[in-house]
PDB file of N, CA and C in Angstrom:
ATOM      1  N   UNK A   1     -40.734 -19.293  -9.018  1.00  0.00           N
ATOM      2  CA  UNK A   1     -39.987 -19.277  -7.970  1.00  0.00           C
ATOM      3  C   UNK A   1     -38.634 -19.953  -8.562  1.00  0.00           C
ATOM      4  N   UNK A   2     -37.534 -19.535  -8.184  1.00  0.00           N
ATOM      5  CA  UNK A   2     -36.063 -20.055  -8.780  1.00  0.00           C
ATOM      6  C   UNK A   2     -35.771 -21.185  -7.892  1.00  0.00           C
ATOM      7  N   UNK A   3     -35.267 -22.147  -8.522  1.00  0.00           N
ATOM      8  CA  UNK A   3     -34.859 -23.421  -7.785  1.00  0.00           C
ATOM      9  C   UNK A   3     -33.597 -23.829  -8.298  1.00  0.00           C
ATOM     10  N   UNK A   4     -32.568 -23.511  -7.188  1.00  0.00           N
ATOM     11  CA  UNK A   4     -31.140 -23.784  -7.486  1.00  0.00           C
ATOM     12  C   UNK A   4     -30.721 -25.182  -6.839  1.00  0.00           C
ATOM     13  N   UNK A   5     -30.105 -26.218  -7.568  1.00  0.00           N
ATOM     14  CA  UNK A   5     -29.622 -27.171  -7.122  1.00  0.00           C
ATOM     15  C   UNK A   5     -28.264 -27.274  -7.118  1.00  0.00           C
ATOM     16  N   UNK A   6     -27.691 -27.804  -5.676  1.00  0.00           N
ATOM     17  CA  UNK A   6     -26.169 -27.880  -5.545  1.00  0.00           C
ATOM     18  C   UNK A   6     -25.967 -29.264  -5.490  1.00  0.00           C
ATOM     19  N   UNK A   7     -25.094 -29.752  -6.406  1.00  0.00           N
ATOM     20  CA  UNK A   7     -24.589 -31.177  -6.390  1.00  0.00           C
ATOM     21  C   UNK A   7     -23.354 -31.291  -5.605  1.00  0.00           C
ATOM     22  N   UNK A   8     -23.066 -32.098  -4.426  1.00  0.00           N
ATOM     23  CA  UNK A   8     -21.861 -32.379  -3.928  1.00  0.00           C
ATOM     24  C   UNK A   8     -21.206 -33.652  -4.174  1.00  0.00           C
ATOM     25  N   UNK A   9     -20.362 -33.966  -3.437  1.00  0.00           N
ATOM     26  CA  UNK A   9     -19.455 -35.360  -3.769  1.00  0.00           C
ATOM     27  C   UNK A   9     -19.902 -36.243  -2.689  1.00  0.00           C
ATOM     28  N   UNK A  10     -20.480 -37.423  -3.180  1.00  0.00           N
ATOM     29  CA  UNK A  10     -21.116 -37.678  -4.441  1.00  0.00           C
ATOM     30  C   UNK A  10     -22.558 -37.504  -4.486  1.00  0.00           C
ATOM     31  N   UNK A  11     -23.071 -37.580  -5.760  1.00  0.00           N
ATOM     32  CA  UNK A  11     -24.402 -37.333  -5.723  1.00  0.00           C
ATOM     33  C   UNK A  11     -25.033 -38.462  -6.840  1.00  0.00           C
ATOM     34  N   UNK A  12     -25.503 -39.564  -6.205  1.00  0.00           N
ATOM     35  CA  UNK A  12     -26.057 -40.777  -7.148  1.00  0.00           C
ATOM     36  C   UNK A  12     -27.266 -41.020  -6.951  1.00  0.00           C
ATOM     37  N   UNK A  13     -27.897 -42.058  -7.793  1.00  0.00           N
ATOM     38  CA  UNK A  13     -28.990 -42.971  -7.543  1.00  0.00           C
ATOM     39  C   UNK A  13     -30.343 -41.783  -7.739  1.00  0.00           C
ATOM     40  N   UNK A  14     -31.301 -42.016  -6.821  1.00  0.00           N
ATOM     41  CA  UNK A  14     -32.647 -41.358  -7.057  1.00  0.00           C
ATOM     42  C   UNK A  14     -32.536 -39.877  -7.008  1.00  0.00           C
ATOM     43  N   UNK A  15     -31.628 -39.202  -6.119  1.00  0.00           N
ATOM     44  CA  UNK A  15     -31.188 -37.848  -6.074  1.00  0.00           C
ATOM     45  C   UNK A  15     -31.033 -37.308  -7.404  1.00  0.00           C
ATOM     46  N   UNK A  16     -29.934 -37.977  -8.153  1.00  0.00           N
ATOM     47  CA  UNK A  16     -29.872 -37.364  -9.528  1.00  0.00           C
ATOM     48  C   UNK A  16     -30.914 -37.677 -10.370  1.00  0.00           C
ATOM     49  N   UNK A  17     -31.721 -38.759 -10.384  1.00  0.00           N
ATOM     50  CA  UNK A  17     -32.624 -38.983 -11.168  1.00  0.00           C
ATOM     51  C   UNK A  17     -33.974 -38.395 -11.038  1.00  0.00           C
ATOM     52  N   UNK A  18     -34.085 -37.587  -9.889  1.00  0.00           N
ATOM     53  CA  UNK A  18     -35.385 -36.942  -9.567  1.00  0.00           C
ATOM     54  C   UNK A  18     -34.989 -35.388  -9.350  1.00  0.00           C
ATOM     55  N   UNK A  19     -35.040 -34.815  -8.100  1.00  0.00           N
ATOM     56  CA  UNK A  19     -34.973 -33.351  -7.800  1.00  0.00           C
ATOM     57  C   UNK A  19     -33.729 -32.720  -8.060  1.00  0.00           C
ATOM     58  N   UNK A  20     -32.575 -33.348  -7.923  1.00  0.00           N
ATOM     59  CA  UNK A  20     -31.340 -32.574  -8.383  1.00  0.00           C
ATOM     60  C   UNK A  20     -31.181 -32.108  -9.888  1.00  0.00           C
ATOM     61  N   UNK A  21     -31.939 -32.989 -10.462  1.00  0.00           N
ATOM     62  CA  UNK A  21     -31.710 -32.652 -12.035  1.00  0.00           C
ATOM     63  C   UNK A  21     -32.728 -31.780 -12.393  1.00  0.00           C
ATOM     64  N   UNK A  22     -33.784 -31.191 -11.824  1.00  0.00           N
ATOM     65  CA  UNK A  22     -34.881 -30.594 -12.089  1.00  0.00           C
ATOM     66  C   UNK A  22     -34.640 -28.772 -12.002  1.00  0.00           C
ATOM     67  N   UNK A  23     -33.405 -28.576 -11.262  1.00  0.00           N
ATOM     68  CA  UNK A  23     -33.242 -27.179 -10.865  1.00  0.00           C
ATOM     69  C   UNK A  23     -33.114 -26.056 -12.130  1.00  0.00           C
ATOM     70  N   UNK A  24     -33.664 -25.086 -11.822  1.00  0.00           N
ATOM     71  CA  UNK A  24     -33.575 -23.851 -12.882  1.00  0.00           C
ATOM     72  C   UNK A  24     -32.027 -23.657 -13.186  1.00  0.00           C
ATOM     73  N   UNK A  25     -31.130 -23.539 -12.097  1.00  0.00           N
ATOM     74  CA  UNK A  25     -29.680 -23.611 -12.211  1.00  0.00           C
ATOM     75  C   UNK A  25     -29.141 -24.814 -11.406  1.00  0.00           C
ATOM     76  N   UNK A  26     -28.379 -25.434 -12.115  1.00  0.00           N
ATOM     77  CA  UNK A  26     -27.496 -26.583 -11.444  1.00  0.00           C
ATOM     78  C   UNK A  26     -25.973 -26.262 -11.260  1.00  0.00           C
ATOM     79  N   UNK A  27     -25.733 -26.408  -9.971  1.00  0.00           N
ATOM     80  CA  UNK A  27     -24.205 -26.052  -9.585  1.00  0.00           C
ATOM     81  C   UNK A  27     -23.880 -27.341  -9.012  1.00  0.00           C
ATOM     82  N   UNK A  28     -22.379 -27.646  -9.352  1.00  0.00           N
ATOM     83  CA  UNK A  28     -21.719 -28.724  -8.742  1.00  0.00           C
ATOM     84  C   UNK A  28     -20.543 -28.423  -8.242  1.00  0.00           C
ATOM     85  N   UNK A  29     -19.767 -29.028  -7.072  1.00  0.00           N
ATOM     86  CA  UNK A  29     -18.739 -28.625  -6.752  1.00  0.00           C
ATOM     87  C   UNK A  29     -17.558 -29.403  -7.438  1.00  0.00           C
ATOM     88  N   UNK A  30     -16.248 -28.907  -7.884  1.00  0.00           N
ATOM     89  CA  UNK A  30     -15.282 -29.433  -8.606  1.00  0.00           C
ATOM     90  C   UNK A  30     -14.874 -30.919  -8.232  1.00  0.00           C
ATOM     91  N   UNK A  31     -14.899 -31.735  -9.093  1.00  0.00           N
ATOM     92  CA  UNK A  31     -14.529 -33.007  -9.032  1.00  0.00           C
ATOM     93  C   UNK A  31     -15.661 -34.011  -8.447  1.00  0.00           C
ATOM     94  N   UNK A  32     -16.735 -33.351  -8.252  1.00  0.00           N
ATOM     95  CA  UNK A  32     -17.837 -34.285  -7.570  1.00  0.00           C
ATOM     96  C   UNK A  32     -18.351 -35.451  -8.772  1.00  0.00           C
ATOM     97  N   UNK A  33     -18.452 -36.560  -8.112  1.00  0.00           N
ATOM     98  CA  UNK A  33     -19.087 -37.521  -8.906  1.00  0.00           C
ATOM     99  C   UNK A  33     -20.605 -37.467  -8.748  1.00  0.00           C
ATOM    100  N   UNK A  34     -21.263 -37.324 -10.207  1.00  0.00           N
ATOM    101  CA  UNK A  34     -22.576 -37.463 -10.355  1.00  0.00           C
ATOM    102  C   UNK A  34     -23.182 -38.169 -11.228  1.00  0.00           C
ATOM    103  N   UNK A  35     -24.060 -39.190 -10.784  1.00  0.00           N
ATOM    104  CA  UNK A  35     -24.797 -40.017 -11.744  1.00  0.00           C
ATOM    105  C   UNK A  35     -25.975 -40.766 -11.261  1.00  0.00           C
ATOM    106  N   UNK A  36     -26.413 -41.581 -12.122  1.00  0.00           N
ATOM    107  CA  UNK A  36     -27.572 -42.452 -11.634  1.00  0.00           C
ATOM    108  C   UNK A  36     -27.008 -43.593 -11.250  1.00  0.00           C
ATOM    109  N   UNK A  37     -26.345 -44.353 -11.750  1.00  0.00           N
ATOM    110  CA  UNK A  37     -25.606 -45.846 -11.417  1.00  0.00           C
ATOM    111  C   UNK A  37     -24.015 -45.272 -11.503  1.00  0.00           C
ATOM    112  N   UNK A  38     -23.408 -46.309 -10.460  1.00  0.00           N
ATOM    113  CA  UNK A  38     -21.927 -46.292 -10.623  1.00  0.00           C
ATOM    114  C   UNK A  38     -21.349 -46.620 -11.934  1.00  0.00           C
ATOM    115  N   UNK A  39     -20.175 -46.243 -12.201  1.00  0.00           N
ATOM    116  CA  UNK A  39     -19.320 -46.417 -13.116  1.00  0.00           C
ATOM    117  C   UNK A  39     -19.327 -47.975 -13.709  1.00  0.00           C
ATOM    118  N   UNK A  40     -18.763 -48.878 -12.641  1.00  0.00           N
ATOM    119  CA  UNK A  40     -18.902 -50.261 -12.915  1.00  0.00           C
ATOM    120  C   UNK A  40     -20.046 -51.110 -13.448  1.00  0.00           C
ATOM    121  N   UNK A  41     -21.158 -50.367 -12.725  1.00  0.00           N
ATOM    122  CA  UNK A  41     -22.254 -50.960 -13.381  1.00  0.00           C
ATOM    123  C   UNK A  41     -22.602 -50.624 -14.728  1.00  0.00           C
ATOM    124  N   UNK A  42     -22.588 -49.561 -15.131  1.00  0.00           N
ATOM    125  CA  UNK A  42     -22.707 -48.854 -16.446  1.00  0.00           C
ATOM    126  C   UNK A  42     -21.860 -49.500 -17.597  1.00  0.00           C
ATOM    127  N   UNK A  43     -20.595 -49.684 -17.102  1.00  0.00           N
ATOM    128  CA  UNK A  43     -19.558 -50.338 -17.984  1.00  0.00           C
ATOM    129  C   UNK A  43     -19.881 -51.953 -18.253  1.00  0.00           C
ATOM    130  N   UNK A  44     -20.578 -52.685 -17.113  1.00  0.00           N
ATOM    131  CA  UNK A  44     -20.882 -53.841 -17.362  1.00  0.00           C
ATOM    132  C   UNK A  44     -22.191 -53.888 -18.248  1.00  0.00           C
ATOM    133  N   UNK A  45     -22.925 -52.928 -18.095  1.00  0.00           N
ATOM    134  CA  UNK A  45     -24.441 -53.073 -18.815  1.00  0.00           C
ATOM    135  C   UNK A  45     -23.967 -52.756 -20.205  1.00  0.00           C
ATOM    136  N   UNK A  46     -23.283 -51.794 -20.583  1.00  0.00           N
ATOM    137  CA  UNK A  46     -23.084 -51.286 -21.984  1.00  0.00           C
ATOM    138  C   UNK A  46     -21.796 -52.102 -22.332  1.00  0.00           C
ATOM    139  N   UNK A  47     -20.981 -52.744 -21.899  1.00  0.00           N
ATOM    140  CA  UNK A  47     -19.907 -53.592 -22.125  1.00  0.00           C
ATOM    141  C   UNK A  47     -18.879 -52.766 -22.841  1.00  0.00           C
ATOM    142  N   UNK A  48     -18.785 -51.354 -22.394  1.00  0.00           N
ATOM    143  CA  UNK A  48     -17.724 -50.660 -22.946  1.00  0.00           C
ATOM    144  C   UNK A  48     -17.054 -49.882 -21.862  1.00  0.00           C
ATOM    145  N   UNK A  49     -15.779 -49.252 -22.290  1.00  0.00           N
ATOM    146  CA  UNK A  49     -15.117 -48.557 -21.111  1.00  0.00           C
ATOM    147  C   UNK A  49     -15.592 -47.046 -21.372  1.00  0.00           C
ATOM    148  N   UNK A  50     -15.673 -46.382 -20.020  1.00  0.00           N
ATOM    149  CA  UNK A  50     -16.179 -45.102 -20.058  1.00  0.00           C
ATOM    150  C   UNK A  50     -15.028 -44.041 -20.094  1.00  0.00           C
ATOM    151  N   UNK A  51     -15.039 -43.003 -20.639  1.00  0.00           N
ATOM    152  CA  UNK A  51     -13.979 -42.081 -20.361  1.00  0.00           C
ATOM    153  C   UNK A  51     -13.593 -41.685 -18.839  1.00  0.00           C
ATOM    154  N   UNK A  52     -12.344 -41.454 -18.814  1.00  0.00           N
ATOM    155  CA  UNK A  52     -11.908 -41.275 -17.343  1.00  0.00           C
ATOM    156  C   UNK A  52     -12.805 -40.379 -16.673  1.00  0.00           C
ATOM    157  N   UNK A  53     -12.992 -39.201 -17.235  1.00  0.00           N
ATOM    158  CA  UNK A  53     -13.671 -38.171 -16.502  1.00  0.00           C
ATOM    159  C   UNK A  53     -15.363 -38.245 -16.549  1.00  0.00           C
ATOM    160  N   UNK A  54     -15.754 -39.515 -16.768  1.00  0.00           N
ATOM    161  CA  UNK A  54     -17.146 -39.813 -16.959  1.00  0.00           C
ATOM    162  C   UNK A  54     -17.661 -39.682 -15.715  1.00  0.00           C
ATOM    163  N   UNK A  55     -18.920 -38.915 -15.434  1.00  0.00           N
ATOM    164  CA  UNK A  55     -19.638 -38.864 -14.279  1.00  0.00           C
ATOM    165  C   UNK A  55     -18.852 -37.851 -13.374  1.00  0.00           C
ATOM    166  N   UNK A  56     -18.366 -36.848 -13.932  1.00  0.00           N
ATOM    167  CA  UNK A  56     -17.512 -35.994 -12.914  1.00  0.00           C
ATOM    168  C   UNK A  56     -18.238 -34.463 -13.267  1.00  0.00           C
ATOM    169  N   UNK A  57     -18.313 -33.579 -12.381  1.00  0.00           N
ATOM    170  CA  UNK A  57     -18.962 -32.219 -12.631  1.00  0.00           C
ATOM    171  C   UNK A  57     -18.388 -31.665 -13.984  1.00  0.00           C
ATOM    172  N   UNK A  58     -17.061 -31.728 -13.792  1.00  0.00           N
ATOM    173  CA  UNK A  58     -16.617 -31.130 -15.138  1.00  0.00           C
ATOM    174  C   UNK A  58     -16.988 -31.707 -16.544  1.00  0.00           C
ATOM    175  N   UNK A  59     -17.291 -33.136 -16.577  1.00  0.00           N
ATOM    176  CA  UNK A  59     -17.522 -33.757 -17.710  1.00  0.00           C
ATOM    177  C   UNK A  59     -19.125 -33.500 -17.952  1.00  0.00           C
ATOM    178  N   UNK A  60     -19.861 -33.186 -16.953  1.00  0.00           N
ATOM    179  CA  UNK A  60     -21.303 -32.894 -17.107  1.00  0.00           C
ATOM    180  C   UNK A  60     -21.493 -31.460 -17.584  1.00  0.00           C
ATOM    181  N   UNK A  61     -20.567 -30.541 -16.921  1.00  0.00           N
ATOM    182  CA  UNK A  61     -20.624 -29.150 -17.583  1.00  0.00           C
ATOM    183  C   UNK A  61     -20.377 -29.147 -18.985  1.00  0.00           C
ATOM    184  N   UNK A  62     -19.208 -29.755 -19.431  1.00  0.00           N
ATOM    185  CA  UNK A  62     -18.976 -29.782 -20.854  1.00  0.00           C
ATOM    186  C   UNK A  62     -20.100 -30.242 -21.720  1.00  0.00           C
ATOM    187  N   UNK A  63     -20.719 -31.211 -21.168  1.00  0.00           N
ATOM    188  CA  UNK A  63     -22.008 -31.776 -21.779  1.00  0.00           C
ATOM    189  C   UNK A  63     -23.183 -31.304 -21.787  1.00  0.00           C
ATOM    190  N   UNK A  64     -23.306 -30.123 -20.933  1.00  0.00           N
ATOM    191  CA  UNK A  64     -24.633 -29.264 -20.942  1.00  0.00           C
ATOM    192  C   UNK A  64     -25.508 -29.771 -19.746  1.00  0.00           C
ATOM    193  N   UNK A  65     -25.140 -30.773 -19.003  1.00  0.00           N
ATOM    194  CA  UNK A  65     -25.991 -31.320 -17.882  1.00  0.00           C
ATOM    195  C   UNK A  65     -26.026 -30.564 -16.638  1.00  0.00           C
ATOM    196  N   UNK A  66     -25.160 -29.761 -16.349  1.00  0.00           N
ATOM    197  CA  UNK A  66     -24.983 -28.819 -15.275  1.00  0.00           C
ATOM    198  C   UNK A  66     -24.708 -27.482 -15.652  1.00  0.00           C
ATOM    199  N   UNK A  67     -24.890 -26.436 -14.959  1.00  0.00           N
ATOM    200  CA  UNK A  67     -24.620 -25.087 -15.593  1.00  0.00           C
ATOM    201  C   UNK A  67     -23.262 -24.531 -15.104  1.00  0.00           C
ATOM    202  N   UNK A  68     -22.911 -24.773 -13.704  1.00  0.00           N
ATOM    203  CA  UNK A  68     -21.742 -24.149 -13.234  1.00  0.00           C
ATOM    204  C   UNK A  68     -20.951 -25.262 -12.231  1.00  0.00           C
ATOM    205  N   UNK A  69     -19.576 -24.989 -12.263  1.00  0.00           N
ATOM    206  CA  UNK A  69     -18.830 -25.833 -11.251  1.00  0.00           C
ATOM    207  C   UNK A  69     -18.253 -24.709 -10.506  1.00  0.00           C
ATOM    208  N   UNK A  70     -18.335 -24.621  -9.079  1.00  0.00           N
ATOM    209  CA  UNK A  70     -18.026 -23.563  -8.152  1.00  0.00           C
ATOM    210  C   UNK A  70     -17.394 -24.352  -6.886  1.00  0.00           C
ATOM    211  N   UNK A  71     -16.261 -23.635  -6.577  1.00  0.00           N
ATOM    212  CA  UNK A  71     -15.586 -24.026  -5.348  1.00  0.00           C
ATOM    213  C   UNK A  71     -16.547 -23.954  -4.314  1.00  0.00           C
ATOM    214  N   UNK A  72     -16.563 -24.787  -3.244  1.00  0.00           N
ATOM    215  CA  UNK A  72     -17.334 -24.583  -2.021  1.00  0.00           C
ATOM    216  C   UNK A  72     -17.117 -23.326  -1.196  1.00  0.00           C
ATOM    217  N   UNK A  73     -15.956 -22.844  -1.388  1.00  0.00           N
ATOM    218  CA  UNK A  73     -15.678 -21.720  -0.702  1.00  0.00           C
ATOM    219  C   UNK A  73     -16.165 -20.409  -1.434  1.00  0.00           C
ATOM    220  N   UNK A  74     -16.534 -20.521  -2.515  1.00  0.00           N
ATOM    221  CA  UNK A  74     -17.129 -19.230  -3.127  1.00  0.00           C
ATOM    222  C   UNK A  74     -18.779 -19.468  -3.402  1.00  0.00           C
ATOM    223  N   UNK A  75     -19.353 -20.652  -3.053  1.00  0.00           N
ATOM    224  CA  UNK A  75     -20.699 -20.823  -3.128  1.00  0.00           C
ATOM    225  C   UNK A  75     -21.653 -19.930  -2.750  1.00  0.00           C
ATOM    226  N   UNK A  76     -21.529 -19.403  -1.465  1.00  0.00           N
ATOM    227  CA  UNK A  76     -22.320 -18.422  -1.044  1.00  0.00           C
ATOM    228  C   UNK A  76     -22.262 -17.251  -1.783  1.00  0.00           C
ATOM    229  N   UNK A  77     -21.285 -16.638  -2.245  1.00  0.00           N
ATOM    230  CA  UNK A  77     -21.308 -15.581  -3.052  1.00  0.00           C
ATOM    231  C   UNK A  77     -21.884 -15.843  -4.295  1.00  0.00           C
ATOM    232  N   UNK A  78     -21.682 -16.818  -5.120  1.00  0.00           N
ATOM    233  CA  UNK A  78     -22.399 -17.177  -6.243  1.00  0.00           C
ATOM    234  C   UNK A  78     -23.688 -17.403  -6.041  1.00  0.00           C
ATOM    235  N   UNK A  79     -24.181 -18.001  -5.217  1.00  0.00           N
ATOM    236  CA  UNK A  79     -25.678 -18.122  -4.980  1.00  0.00           C
ATOM    237  C   UNK A  79     -26.333 -16.839  -4.621  1.00  0.00           C
ATOM    238  N   UNK A  80     -25.688 -16.051  -3.854  1.00  0.00           N
ATOM    239  CA  UNK A  80     -26.223 -14.448  -3.620  1.00  0.00           C
ATOM    240  C   UNK A  80     -26.318 -13.783  -4.808  1.00  0.00           C
ATOM    241  N   UNK A  81     -25.361 -13.839  -5.733  1.00  0.00           N
ATOM    242  CA  UNK A  81     -25.489 -13.023  -7.106  1.00  0.00           C
ATOM    243  C   UNK A  81     -26.660 -13.823  -8.109  1.00  0.00           C
ATOM    244  N   UNK A  82     -26.788 -14.998  -7.897  1.00  0.00           N
ATOM    245  CA  UNK A  82     -27.835 -15.669  -8.632  1.00  0.00           C
ATOM    246  C   UNK A  82     -29.237 -15.114  -8.410  1.00  0.00           C
ATOM    247  N   UNK A  83     -29.459 -15.077  -6.951  1.00  0.00           N
ATOM    248  CA  UNK A  83     -30.578 -14.743  -6.199  1.00  0.00           C
ATOM    249  C   UNK A  83     -30.902 -13.349  -6.492  1.00  0.00           C
ATOM    250  N   UNK A  84     -29.834 -12.558  -6.479  1.00  0.00           N
ATOM    251  CA  UNK A  84     -30.117 -11.039  -6.854  1.00  0.00           C
ATOM    252  C   UNK A  84     -30.501 -10.884  -8.130  1.00  0.00           C
ATOM    253  N   UNK A  85     -29.638 -11.543  -8.911  1.00  0.00           N
ATOM    254  CA  UNK A  85     -30.062 -11.460 -10.569  1.00  0.00           C
ATOM    255  C   UNK A  85     -31.482 -11.796 -10.933  1.00  0.00           C
ATOM    256  N   UNK A  86     -32.083 -12.719 -10.162  1.00  0.00           N
ATOM    257  CA  UNK A  86     -33.319 -13.085 -10.417  1.00  0.00           C
ATOM    258  C   UNK A  86     -34.401 -12.557  -9.665  1.00  0.00           C
ATOM    259  N   UNK A  87     -34.227 -11.308  -8.906  1.00  0.00           N
ATOM    260  CA  UNK A  87     -35.129 -10.439  -8.185  1.00  0.00           C
ATOM    261  C   UNK A  87     -35.865  -9.743  -9.451  1.00  0.00           C
ATOM    262  N   UNK A  88     -37.178  -9.310  -9.026  1.00  0.00           N
ATOM    263  CA  UNK A  88     -37.915  -8.504 -10.111  1.00  0.00           C
ATOM    264  C   UNK A  88     -37.095  -7.255 -10.106  1.00  0.00           C
ATOM    265  N   UNK A  89     -37.101  -6.707 -11.222  1.00  0.00           N
ATOM    266  CA  UNK A  89     -36.571  -5.338 -11.586  1.00  0.00           C
ATOM    267  C   UNK A  89     -36.643  -4.250 -10.437  1.00  0.00           C
ATOM    268  N   UNK A  90     -37.914  -4.055  -9.909  1.00  0.00           N
ATOM    269  CA  UNK A  90     -38.103  -3.067  -9.067  1.00  0.00           C
ATOM    270  C   UNK A  90     -37.276  -3.250  -7.760  1.00  0.00           C
ATOM    271  N   UNK A  91     -37.056  -4.579  -7.213  1.00  0.00           N
ATOM    272  CA  UNK A  91     -36.326  -4.997  -6.083  1.00  0.00           C
ATOM    273  C   UNK A  91     -34.856  -4.620  -6.309  1.00  0.00           C
ATOM    274  N   UNK A  92     -34.441  -4.919  -7.797  1.00  0.00           N
ATOM    275  CA  UNK A  92     -33.016  -4.585  -7.925  1.00  0.00           C
ATOM    276  C   UNK A  92     -32.567  -3.305  -7.818  1.00  0.00           C
ATOM    277  N   UNK A  93     -33.545  -2.304  -8.163  1.00  0.00           N
ATOM    278  CA  UNK A  93     -33.434  -1.100  -8.364  1.00  0.00           C
ATOM    279  C   UNK A  93     -33.244  -0.225  -6.970  1.00  0.00           C
ATOM    280  N   UNK A  94     -33.840  -0.774  -6.043  1.00  0.00           N
ATOM    281  CA  UNK A  94     -33.601  -0.043  -4.701  1.00  0.00           C
ATOM    282  C   UNK A  94     -32.341   0.054  -4.066  1.00  0.00           C
ATOM    283  N   UNK A  95     -32.016   1.206  -3.522  1.00  0.00           N
ATOM    284  CA  UNK A  95     -30.797   1.261  -2.807  1.00  0.00           C
ATOM    285  C   UNK A  95     -30.692   0.487  -1.661  1.00  0.00           C
ATOM    286  N   UNK A  96     -29.570  -0.108  -1.114  1.00  0.00           N
ATOM    287  CA  UNK A  96     -29.265  -1.186  -0.091  1.00  0.00           C
ATOM    288  C   UNK A  96     -30.006  -0.795   1.213  1.00  0.00           C
ATOM    289  N   UNK A  97     -30.128   0.569   1.523  1.00  0.00           N
ATOM    290  CA  UNK A  97     -31.025   0.791   2.691  1.00  0.00           C
ATOM    291  C   UNK A  97     -32.440   0.881   2.751  1.00  0.00           C
ATOM    292  N   UNK A  98     -32.958   0.830   1.360  1.00  0.00           N
ATOM    293  CA  UNK A  98     -34.455   0.698   1.118  1.00  0.00           C
ATOM    294  C   UNK A  98     -34.943  -0.801   1.060  1.00  0.00           C
ATOM    295  N   UNK A  99     -34.028  -1.595   1.090  1.00  0.00           N
ATOM    296  CA  UNK A  99     -34.569  -3.166   0.994  1.00  0.00           C
ATOM    297  C   UNK A  99     -35.056  -3.546   2.293  1.00  0.00           C
TER     298      UNK A  99
END
């Protein structure tokens, strides 16, 4: 079964550590902050400054942690395309009035 995870602003803590990161396809909205702990906590723990875009959807996309960054206005169209793409081949070949 296809599991699409959609990360919105903000997605932190246990959500990120558990089911949100397990999707077959992980989509985030532009600029969404996503992480397990907040920026200040991480910087205090590692005693280093983090990049300005750290924990943003764009940063995570660039580093392979999510699959797509999609504007909310286009989300339903993208999800429909993904679901259609993952249908068994015989379902995809049916004409629209045969579904």
